[in-house]
């Protein structure tokens, strides 16, 4: 989606938990202050396009451009393009605003961009006066879902094949870190965090969730060896079942997210 250039994304898998995934974007958009009429909006790491188009619910007269570097995601997004929404290939690790924007928004994308906070000065400089930078990122990389993924990848059978493939344990800043990064750039900064308790149904639902997101690097690295890929997934799935046991009502998947909304001086 964002800057993980060699990942093979599966839009259908990503959207399997769309109802849960859409809630953080809805809550992020609700905290964005009023924008001028016909705002120019850039959706950074737009993914399959549906979330981008949903921005028209808040800003129906907006001119929106979604940026992503995944051919699979962009192909899915093109099906949602319209007169006021377009999609462009771009890598957020090097993307620079070429025009002033009223809103730069990133929904669960910046965690794929190493040291993304170092991009903030240039992105804020690309905002129109009073423009807004708004984003949310997962804050659950120490949770069992991600910790166990890394631990299984470190086992002797997988260590050589998956060395350096998965993200580190801290690809995002703390809320305090984002506040410190944004405060010198914007006079208005709002940072908060929320832990959602998603109740998931079905067999191995946490595995199903991460198969559309955090597990993509391992799945991509092993795609040429289906037997090895299936063996790795089976090991990881067994660990997830122990960490997230199901009950009669499903499986509870706690998911922490970090939000930030920063407004440039008018």
C-alpha atoms as a PDB file:
ATOM      1  CA  UNK A   1       0.000   0.000   0.000  1.00  0.00           C
ATOM      2  CA  UNK A   2       2.528   2.609   1.075  1.00  0.00           C
ATOM      3  CA  UNK A   3       6.258   2.170   0.481  1.00  0.00           C
ATOM      4  CA  UNK A   4       6.717  -1.598   0.808  1.00  0.00           C
ATOM      5  CA  UNK A   5       7.686  -1.858  -2.851  1.00  0.00           C
ATOM      6  CA  UNK A   6       8.061  -5.612  -3.180  1.00  0.00           C
ATOM      7  CA  UNK A   7       4.911  -6.725  -1.393  1.00  0.00           C
ATOM      8  CA  UNK A   8       2.185  -8.527  -3.283  1.00  0.00           C
ATOM      9  CA  UNK A   9      -1.136  -7.280  -1.971  1.00  0.00           C
ATOM     10  CA  UNK A  10      -4.485  -9.038  -2.164  1.00  0.00           C
ATOM     11  CA  UNK A  11      -7.278  -6.416  -2.184  1.00  0.00           C
ATOM     12  CA  UNK A  12     -10.000  -9.019  -1.618  1.00  0.00           C
ATOM     13  CA  UNK A  13      -8.225 -10.411   1.446  1.00  0.00           C
ATOM     14  CA  UNK A  14      -7.574  -6.920   2.772  1.00  0.00           C
ATOM     15  CA  UNK A  15     -11.247  -6.024   2.530  1.00  0.00           C
ATOM     16  CA  UNK A  16     -12.525  -9.169   4.272  1.00  0.00           C
ATOM     17  CA  UNK A  17     -12.649  -7.270   7.578  1.00  0.00           C
ATOM     18  CA  UNK A  18     -13.715  -4.016   5.984  1.00  0.00           C
ATOM     19  CA  UNK A  19     -16.356  -3.176   8.591  1.00  0.00           C
ATOM     20  CA  UNK A  20     -13.794  -3.242  11.387  1.00  0.00           C
ATOM     21  CA  UNK A  21     -11.093  -1.545   9.330  1.00  0.00           C
ATOM     22  CA  UNK A  22     -13.350   1.343   8.308  1.00  0.00           C
ATOM     23  CA  UNK A  23     -14.165   2.478  11.825  1.00  0.00           C
ATOM     24  CA  UNK A  24     -10.786   4.128  12.586  1.00  0.00           C
ATOM     25  CA  UNK A  25     -11.004   6.132   9.342  1.00  0.00           C
ATOM     26  CA  UNK A  26     -14.510   7.284  10.222  1.00  0.00           C
ATOM     27  CA  UNK A  27     -13.324   8.442  13.642  1.00  0.00           C
ATOM     28  CA  UNK A  28     -10.243  10.132  12.171  1.00  0.00           C
ATOM     29  CA  UNK A  29     -12.312  12.030   9.591  1.00  0.00           C
ATOM     30  CA  UNK A  30     -14.712  13.167  12.319  1.00  0.00           C
ATOM     31  CA  UNK A  31     -11.840  14.977  14.085  1.00  0.00           C
ATOM     32  CA  UNK A  32     -10.614  16.836  11.008  1.00  0.00           C
ATOM     33  CA  UNK A  33     -11.640  20.512  11.280  1.00  0.00           C
ATOM     34  CA  UNK A  34     -13.716  22.246   8.632  1.00  0.00           C
ATOM     35  CA  UNK A  35     -12.051  22.644   5.256  1.00  0.00           C
ATOM     36  CA  UNK A  36     -12.728  25.287   2.608  1.00  0.00           C
ATOM     37  CA  UNK A  37     -15.108  24.538  -0.242  1.00  0.00           C
ATOM     38  CA  UNK A  38     -13.840  22.203  -2.969  1.00  0.00           C
ATOM     39  CA  UNK A  39     -10.857  21.066  -0.902  1.00  0.00           C
ATOM     40  CA  UNK A  40      -7.942  19.278  -2.535  1.00  0.00           C
ATOM     41  CA  UNK A  41      -7.415  16.023  -0.636  1.00  0.00           C
ATOM     42  CA  UNK A  42      -4.561  13.535  -0.978  1.00  0.00           C
ATOM     43  CA  UNK A  43      -5.132  10.043   0.397  1.00  0.00           C
ATOM     44  CA  UNK A  44      -1.652   8.676   1.093  1.00  0.00           C
ATOM     45  CA  UNK A  45      -1.576   4.885   0.787  1.00  0.00           C
ATOM     46  CA  UNK A  46      -5.095   4.688  -0.589  1.00  0.00           C
ATOM     47  CA  UNK A  47      -5.274   0.896  -0.887  1.00  0.00           C
ATOM     48  CA  UNK A  48      -8.291  -0.551  -2.761  1.00  0.00           C
ATOM     49  CA  UNK A  49     -10.026   2.799  -3.182  1.00  0.00           C
ATOM     50  CA  UNK A  50     -13.196   2.325  -1.168  1.00  0.00           C
ATOM     51  CA  UNK A  51     -11.926   4.279   1.847  1.00  0.00           C
ATOM     52  CA  UNK A  52     -10.798   7.072  -0.488  1.00  0.00           C
ATOM     53  CA  UNK A  53     -14.230   7.402  -2.054  1.00  0.00           C
ATOM     54  CA  UNK A  54     -15.798   7.393   1.416  1.00  0.00           C
ATOM     55  CA  UNK A  55     -14.159  10.781   2.055  1.00  0.00           C
ATOM     56  CA  UNK A  56     -16.810  12.282  -0.235  1.00  0.00           C
ATOM     57  CA  UNK A  57     -19.370  11.626   2.506  1.00  0.00           C
ATOM     58  CA  UNK A  58     -17.727  14.355   4.608  1.00  0.00           C
ATOM     59  CA  UNK A  59     -16.507  16.527   1.712  1.00  0.00           C
ATOM     60  CA  UNK A  60     -18.870  15.913  -1.243  1.00  0.00           C
ATOM     61  CA  UNK A  61     -17.339  18.677  -3.377  1.00  0.00           C
ATOM     62  CA  UNK A  62     -13.729  17.611  -2.769  1.00  0.00           C
ATOM     63  CA  UNK A  63     -11.163  16.861  -5.444  1.00  0.00           C
ATOM     64  CA  UNK A  64      -9.450  13.717  -4.202  1.00  0.00           C
ATOM     65  CA  UNK A  65      -6.307  11.926  -5.347  1.00  0.00           C
ATOM     66  CA  UNK A  66      -5.346   8.548  -3.918  1.00  0.00           C
ATOM     67  CA  UNK A  67      -1.661   7.627  -3.973  1.00  0.00           C
ATOM     68  CA  UNK A  68      -0.367   4.058  -3.674  1.00  0.00           C
ATOM     69  CA  UNK A  69       2.481   1.977  -5.072  1.00  0.00           C
ATOM     70  CA  UNK A  70       0.762  -1.425  -5.144  1.00  0.00           C
ATOM     71  CA  UNK A  71      -0.345  -2.436  -8.663  1.00  0.00           C
ATOM     72  CA  UNK A  72      -2.909  -4.799  -7.144  1.00  0.00           C
ATOM     73  CA  UNK A  73      -4.417  -2.110  -4.921  1.00  0.00           C
ATOM     74  CA  UNK A  74      -4.418   0.506  -7.689  1.00  0.00           C
ATOM     75  CA  UNK A  75      -6.152  -1.897 -10.068  1.00  0.00           C
ATOM     76  CA  UNK A  76      -8.906  -2.397  -7.491  1.00  0.00           C
ATOM     77  CA  UNK A  77      -9.050   1.335  -6.787  1.00  0.00           C
ATOM     78  CA  UNK A  78      -9.546   2.229 -10.451  1.00  0.00           C
ATOM     79  CA  UNK A  79     -12.927   0.536 -10.306  1.00  0.00           C
ATOM     80  CA  UNK A  80     -14.014   3.216  -7.815  1.00  0.00           C
ATOM     81  CA  UNK A  81     -12.535   6.228  -9.656  1.00  0.00           C
ATOM     82  CA  UNK A  82     -14.874   8.988 -10.747  1.00  0.00           C
ATOM     83  CA  UNK A  83     -14.960  12.574 -11.896  1.00  0.00           C
ATOM     84  CA  UNK A  84     -13.727  13.901  -8.546  1.00  0.00           C
ATOM     85  CA  UNK A  85     -11.603  10.927  -7.472  1.00  0.00           C
ATOM     86  CA  UNK A  86      -8.479   9.704  -9.228  1.00  0.00           C
ATOM     87  CA  UNK A  87      -5.649   7.357  -8.335  1.00  0.00           C
ATOM     88  CA  UNK A  88      -1.932   7.771  -8.985  1.00  0.00           C
ATOM     89  CA  UNK A  89       1.035   5.468  -8.453  1.00  0.00           C
ATOM     90  CA  UNK A  90       3.475   6.862  -5.887  1.00  0.00           C
ATOM     91  CA  UNK A  91       5.837   5.679  -3.160  1.00  0.00           C
ATOM     92  CA  UNK A  92       5.285   7.552   0.085  1.00  0.00           C
ATOM     93  CA  UNK A  93       8.944   7.165   1.029  1.00  0.00           C
ATOM     94  CA  UNK A  94       9.795   9.684  -1.691  1.00  0.00           C
ATOM     95  CA  UNK A  95       6.450  11.371  -2.490  1.00  0.00           C
ATOM     96  CA  UNK A  96       6.463  15.169  -2.345  1.00  0.00           C
ATOM     97  CA  UNK A  97       3.446  17.468  -2.616  1.00  0.00           C
ATOM     98  CA  UNK A  98       3.517  19.038  -6.081  1.00  0.00           C
ATOM     99  CA  UNK A  99       0.600  21.369  -5.309  1.00  0.00           C
ATOM    100  CA  UNK A 100      -0.930  22.803  -2.132  1.00  0.00           C
ATOM    101  CA  UNK A 101      -3.405  20.473  -0.442  1.00  0.00           C
ATOM    102  CA  UNK A 102      -6.132  21.286   2.056  1.00  0.00           C
ATOM    103  CA  UNK A 103      -5.877  17.781   3.535  1.00  0.00           C
ATOM    104  CA  UNK A 104      -3.259  15.051   3.514  1.00  0.00           C
ATOM    105  CA  UNK A 105      -4.785  11.934   5.054  1.00  0.00           C
ATOM    106  CA  UNK A 106      -3.223   8.515   5.626  1.00  0.00           C
ATOM    107  CA  UNK A 107      -5.303   5.623   6.910  1.00  0.00           C
ATOM    108  CA  UNK A 108      -3.231   2.692   8.253  1.00  0.00           C
ATOM    109  CA  UNK A 109      -0.458   3.321   5.719  1.00  0.00           C
ATOM    110  CA  UNK A 110       2.456   5.162   7.331  1.00  0.00           C
ATOM    111  CA  UNK A 111       3.569   2.095   9.305  1.00  0.00           C
ATOM    112  CA  UNK A 112       4.910   0.797   5.971  1.00  0.00           C
ATOM    113  CA  UNK A 113       7.105   3.890   5.501  1.00  0.00           C
ATOM    114  CA  UNK A 114      10.348   3.702   7.526  1.00  0.00           C
ATOM    115  CA  UNK A 115      11.019   6.913   9.477  1.00  0.00           C
ATOM    116  CA  UNK A 116       7.829   8.436   8.100  1.00  0.00           C
ATOM    117  CA  UNK A 117       7.925  11.151  10.759  1.00  0.00           C
ATOM    118  CA  UNK A 118      10.937  12.599   8.948  1.00  0.00           C
ATOM    119  CA  UNK A 119       8.597  13.317   6.015  1.00  0.00           C
ATOM    120  CA  UNK A 120       6.329  15.525   8.126  1.00  0.00           C
ATOM    121  CA  UNK A 121       8.151  18.856   7.554  1.00  0.00           C
ATOM    122  CA  UNK A 122       7.950  18.479   3.789  1.00  0.00           C
ATOM    123  CA  UNK A 123       4.342  17.291   3.884  1.00  0.00           C
ATOM    124  CA  UNK A 124       3.239  20.127   6.159  1.00  0.00           C
ATOM    125  CA  UNK A 125       5.044  22.592   3.894  1.00  0.00           C
ATOM    126  CA  UNK A 126       2.927  21.206   1.049  1.00  0.00           C
ATOM    127  CA  UNK A 127      -0.313  22.104   2.807  1.00  0.00           C
ATOM    128  CA  UNK A 128      -2.265  25.215   1.951  1.00  0.00           C
ATOM    129  CA  UNK A 129      -2.463  27.738   4.813  1.00  0.00           C
ATOM    130  CA  UNK A 130      -4.738  26.192   7.406  1.00  0.00           C
ATOM    131  CA  UNK A 131      -4.395  22.806   5.727  1.00  0.00           C
ATOM    132  CA  UNK A 132      -4.473  19.564   7.720  1.00  0.00           C
ATOM    133  CA  UNK A 133      -2.302  16.467   8.033  1.00  0.00           C
ATOM    134  CA  UNK A 134      -4.349  13.605   9.507  1.00  0.00           C
ATOM    135  CA  UNK A 135      -3.379   9.973   9.936  1.00  0.00           C
ATOM    136  CA  UNK A 136      -3.896   6.846  11.974  1.00  0.00           C
ATOM    137  CA  UNK A 137      -1.467   3.952  12.346  1.00  0.00           C
ATOM    138  CA  UNK A 138      -1.661   0.607  14.136  1.00  0.00           C
ATOM    139  CA  UNK A 139      -0.051   0.734  17.546  1.00  0.00           C
ATOM    140  CA  UNK A 140      -0.156  -3.009  18.207  1.00  0.00           C
ATOM    141  CA  UNK A 141       3.267  -4.218  17.050  1.00  0.00           C
ATOM    142  CA  UNK A 142       4.042  -5.555  20.525  1.00  0.00           C
ATOM    143  CA  UNK A 143       0.746  -7.468  20.607  1.00  0.00           C
ATOM    144  CA  UNK A 144       0.758 -11.276  20.221  1.00  0.00           C
ATOM    145  CA  UNK A 145      -0.451 -11.029  16.617  1.00  0.00           C
ATOM    146  CA  UNK A 146       2.798  -9.354  15.570  1.00  0.00           C
ATOM    147  CA  UNK A 147       5.187 -10.580  18.252  1.00  0.00           C
ATOM    148  CA  UNK A 148       4.397 -14.222  17.473  1.00  0.00           C
ATOM    149  CA  UNK A 149       4.798 -13.587  13.752  1.00  0.00           C
ATOM    150  CA  UNK A 150       8.348 -12.350  14.395  1.00  0.00           C
ATOM    151  CA  UNK A 151       9.095 -15.187  16.815  1.00  0.00           C
ATOM    152  CA  UNK A 152       8.046 -17.875  14.345  1.00  0.00           C
ATOM    153  CA  UNK A 153      10.088 -16.184  11.607  1.00  0.00           C
ATOM    154  CA  UNK A 154      13.135 -16.374  13.890  1.00  0.00           C
ATOM    155  CA  UNK A 155      12.902 -20.161  14.301  1.00  0.00           C
ATOM    156  CA  UNK A 156      15.761 -22.113  12.661  1.00  0.00           C
ATOM    157  CA  UNK A 157      13.582 -23.384   9.821  1.00  0.00           C
ATOM    158  CA  UNK A 158      12.620 -19.854   8.735  1.00  0.00           C
ATOM    159  CA  UNK A 159      15.388 -17.577   9.927  1.00  0.00           C
ATOM    160  CA  UNK A 160      17.438 -17.527   6.723  1.00  0.00           C
ATOM    161  CA  UNK A 161      14.460 -17.200   4.401  1.00  0.00           C
ATOM    162  CA  UNK A 162      12.661 -14.504   6.390  1.00  0.00           C
ATOM    163  CA  UNK A 163      15.581 -12.504   7.806  1.00  0.00           C
ATOM    164  CA  UNK A 164      14.769  -8.821   7.518  1.00  0.00           C
ATOM    165  CA  UNK A 165      11.425  -9.484   5.834  1.00  0.00           C
ATOM    166  CA  UNK A 166       9.038  -8.582   8.646  1.00  0.00           C
ATOM    167  CA  UNK A 167       8.830  -5.109  10.089  1.00  0.00           C
ATOM    168  CA  UNK A 168      10.638  -4.299  13.317  1.00  0.00           C
ATOM    169  CA  UNK A 169       8.804  -4.171  16.601  1.00  0.00           C
ATOM    170  CA  UNK A 170       8.541  -0.365  16.481  1.00  0.00           C
ATOM    171  CA  UNK A 171       7.679   0.907  12.975  1.00  0.00           C
ATOM    172  CA  UNK A 172       5.548   3.711  14.447  1.00  0.00           C
ATOM    173  CA  UNK A 173       6.158   6.342  17.109  1.00  0.00           C
ATOM    174  CA  UNK A 174       4.422   6.563  20.443  1.00  0.00           C
ATOM    175  CA  UNK A 175       1.619   9.130  20.735  1.00  0.00           C
ATOM    176  CA  UNK A 176       4.078  11.343  22.605  1.00  0.00           C
ATOM    177  CA  UNK A 177       6.565  10.915  19.780  1.00  0.00           C
ATOM    178  CA  UNK A 178       4.056  12.059  17.163  1.00  0.00           C
ATOM    179  CA  UNK A 179       3.115  15.049  19.284  1.00  0.00           C
ATOM    180  CA  UNK A 180       6.783  16.007  19.605  1.00  0.00           C
ATOM    181  CA  UNK A 181       7.299  15.620  15.845  1.00  0.00           C
ATOM    182  CA  UNK A 182       4.253  17.674  14.849  1.00  0.00           C
ATOM    183  CA  UNK A 183       4.180  20.421  17.494  1.00  0.00           C
ATOM    184  CA  UNK A 184       7.066  22.441  15.978  1.00  0.00           C
ATOM    185  CA  UNK A 185       5.343  22.334  12.562  1.00  0.00           C
ATOM    186  CA  UNK A 186       1.711  23.076  13.383  1.00  0.00           C
ATOM    187  CA  UNK A 187       0.098  25.310  16.033  1.00  0.00           C
ATOM    188  CA  UNK A 188      -2.874  22.936  16.359  1.00  0.00           C
ATOM    189  CA  UNK A 189      -2.080  19.267  17.063  1.00  0.00           C
ATOM    190  CA  UNK A 190      -4.446  16.601  18.361  1.00  0.00           C
ATOM    191  CA  UNK A 191      -2.999  13.150  19.137  1.00  0.00           C
ATOM    192  CA  UNK A 192      -4.846  10.277  20.768  1.00  0.00           C
ATOM    193  CA  UNK A 193      -5.011   6.498  20.910  1.00  0.00           C
ATOM    194  CA  UNK A 194      -7.833   3.963  21.008  1.00  0.00           C
ATOM    195  CA  UNK A 195      -7.859   0.224  21.596  1.00  0.00           C
ATOM    196  CA  UNK A 196     -10.665  -1.509  19.719  1.00  0.00           C
ATOM    197  CA  UNK A 197     -11.933  -4.866  20.924  1.00  0.00           C
ATOM    198  CA  UNK A 198     -12.906  -6.483  17.646  1.00  0.00           C
ATOM    199  CA  UNK A 199     -15.030  -9.603  17.987  1.00  0.00           C
ATOM    200  CA  UNK A 200     -14.192 -11.809  15.021  1.00  0.00           C
ATOM    201  CA  UNK A 201     -15.995 -14.878  13.739  1.00  0.00           C
ATOM    202  CA  UNK A 202     -14.871 -17.893  11.758  1.00  0.00           C
ATOM    203  CA  UNK A 203     -11.922 -20.252  11.849  1.00  0.00           C
ATOM    204  CA  UNK A 204      -8.543 -18.668  12.640  1.00  0.00           C
ATOM    205  CA  UNK A 205      -9.986 -15.145  12.326  1.00  0.00           C
ATOM    206  CA  UNK A 206      -6.870 -13.336  13.580  1.00  0.00           C
ATOM    207  CA  UNK A 207      -4.808 -15.160  10.979  1.00  0.00           C
ATOM    208  CA  UNK A 208      -7.393 -14.176   8.386  1.00  0.00           C
ATOM    209  CA  UNK A 209      -7.086 -10.527   9.470  1.00  0.00           C
ATOM    210  CA  UNK A 210      -3.278 -10.322   9.375  1.00  0.00           C
ATOM    211  CA  UNK A 211      -3.143 -12.259   6.094  1.00  0.00           C
ATOM    212  CA  UNK A 212      -4.436  -9.085   4.485  1.00  0.00           C
ATOM    213  CA  UNK A 213      -1.938  -6.783   6.167  1.00  0.00           C
ATOM    214  CA  UNK A 214       0.974  -7.547   8.489  1.00  0.00           C
ATOM    215  CA  UNK A 215       1.641 -11.060   7.196  1.00  0.00           C
ATOM    216  CA  UNK A 216       2.001  -9.906   3.573  1.00  0.00           C
ATOM    217  CA  UNK A 217       5.821  -9.616   3.699  1.00  0.00           C
ATOM    218  CA  UNK A 218       6.221 -13.261   4.777  1.00  0.00           C
ATOM    219  CA  UNK A 219       3.599 -14.482   2.314  1.00  0.00           C
ATOM    220  CA  UNK A 220       5.335 -12.587  -0.480  1.00  0.00           C
ATOM    221  CA  UNK A 221       8.773 -13.936   0.472  1.00  0.00           C
ATOM    222  CA  UNK A 222       7.487 -17.525   0.413  1.00  0.00           C
ATOM    223  CA  UNK A 223       5.112 -17.291  -2.546  1.00  0.00           C
ATOM    224  CA  UNK A 224       7.426 -19.283  -4.828  1.00  0.00           C
ATOM    225  CA  UNK A 225       7.359 -22.227  -2.409  1.00  0.00           C
ATOM    226  CA  UNK A 226       3.717 -22.950  -1.522  1.00  0.00           C
ATOM    227  CA  UNK A 227       4.609 -25.897   0.724  1.00  0.00           C
ATOM    228  CA  UNK A 228       6.949 -23.754   2.809  1.00  0.00           C
ATOM    229  CA  UNK A 229       4.446 -20.922   2.880  1.00  0.00           C
ATOM    230  CA  UNK A 230       1.705 -23.225   4.142  1.00  0.00           C
ATOM    231  CA  UNK A 231       4.022 -24.736   6.757  1.00  0.00           C
ATOM    232  CA  UNK A 232       4.991 -21.296   8.074  1.00  0.00           C
ATOM    233  CA  UNK A 233       1.368 -20.196   8.210  1.00  0.00           C
ATOM    234  CA  UNK A 234       0.398 -23.400  10.040  1.00  0.00           C
ATOM    235  CA  UNK A 235       3.053 -22.815  12.724  1.00  0.00           C
ATOM    236  CA  UNK A 236       1.984 -19.232  13.156  1.00  0.00           C
ATOM    237  CA  UNK A 237      -1.724 -20.121  13.201  1.00  0.00           C
ATOM    238  CA  UNK A 238      -1.175 -22.570  16.053  1.00  0.00           C
ATOM    239  CA  UNK A 239       0.461 -19.831  18.120  1.00  0.00           C
ATOM    240  CA  UNK A 240      -2.382 -17.425  17.356  1.00  0.00           C
ATOM    241  CA  UNK A 241      -5.031 -19.908  18.477  1.00  0.00           C
ATOM    242  CA  UNK A 242      -3.346 -20.149  21.870  1.00  0.00           C
ATOM    243  CA  UNK A 243      -2.942 -16.378  22.167  1.00  0.00           C
ATOM    244  CA  UNK A 244      -6.487 -15.552  21.007  1.00  0.00           C
ATOM    245  CA  UNK A 245      -8.744 -18.397  22.152  1.00  0.00           C
ATOM    246  CA  UNK A 246     -12.258 -18.517  20.768  1.00  0.00           C
ATOM    247  CA  UNK A 247     -15.343 -18.756  22.937  1.00  0.00           C
ATOM    248  CA  UNK A 248     -19.006 -19.271  22.170  1.00  0.00           C
ATOM    249  CA  UNK A 249     -19.252 -15.683  20.906  1.00  0.00           C
ATOM    250  CA  UNK A 250     -16.175 -15.620  18.694  1.00  0.00           C
ATOM    251  CA  UNK A 251     -12.615 -14.376  19.111  1.00  0.00           C
ATOM    252  CA  UNK A 252     -11.715 -11.054  20.710  1.00  0.00           C
ATOM    253  CA  UNK A 253      -8.904  -9.250  18.885  1.00  0.00           C
ATOM    254  CA  UNK A 254      -7.677  -6.143  20.764  1.00  0.00           C
ATOM    255  CA  UNK A 255      -6.280  -3.617  18.307  1.00  0.00           C
ATOM    256  CA  UNK A 256      -4.601  -0.392  19.434  1.00  0.00           C
ATOM    257  CA  UNK A 257      -4.411   2.521  17.002  1.00  0.00           C
ATOM    258  CA  UNK A 258      -2.730   5.924  17.201  1.00  0.00           C
ATOM    259  CA  UNK A 259      -4.331   9.013  15.639  1.00  0.00           C
ATOM    260  CA  UNK A 260      -3.030  12.488  14.846  1.00  0.00           C
ATOM    261  CA  UNK A 261      -4.599  15.591  13.325  1.00  0.00           C
ATOM    262  CA  UNK A 262      -2.308  18.593  12.813  1.00  0.00           C
ATOM    263  CA  UNK A 263      -3.321  21.925  11.266  1.00  0.00           C
ATOM    264  CA  UNK A 264      -0.850  24.238   9.588  1.00  0.00           C
ATOM    265  CA  UNK A 265      -0.894  27.923  10.506  1.00  0.00           C
ATOM    266  CA  UNK A 266      -3.487  29.894   8.585  1.00  0.00           C
END
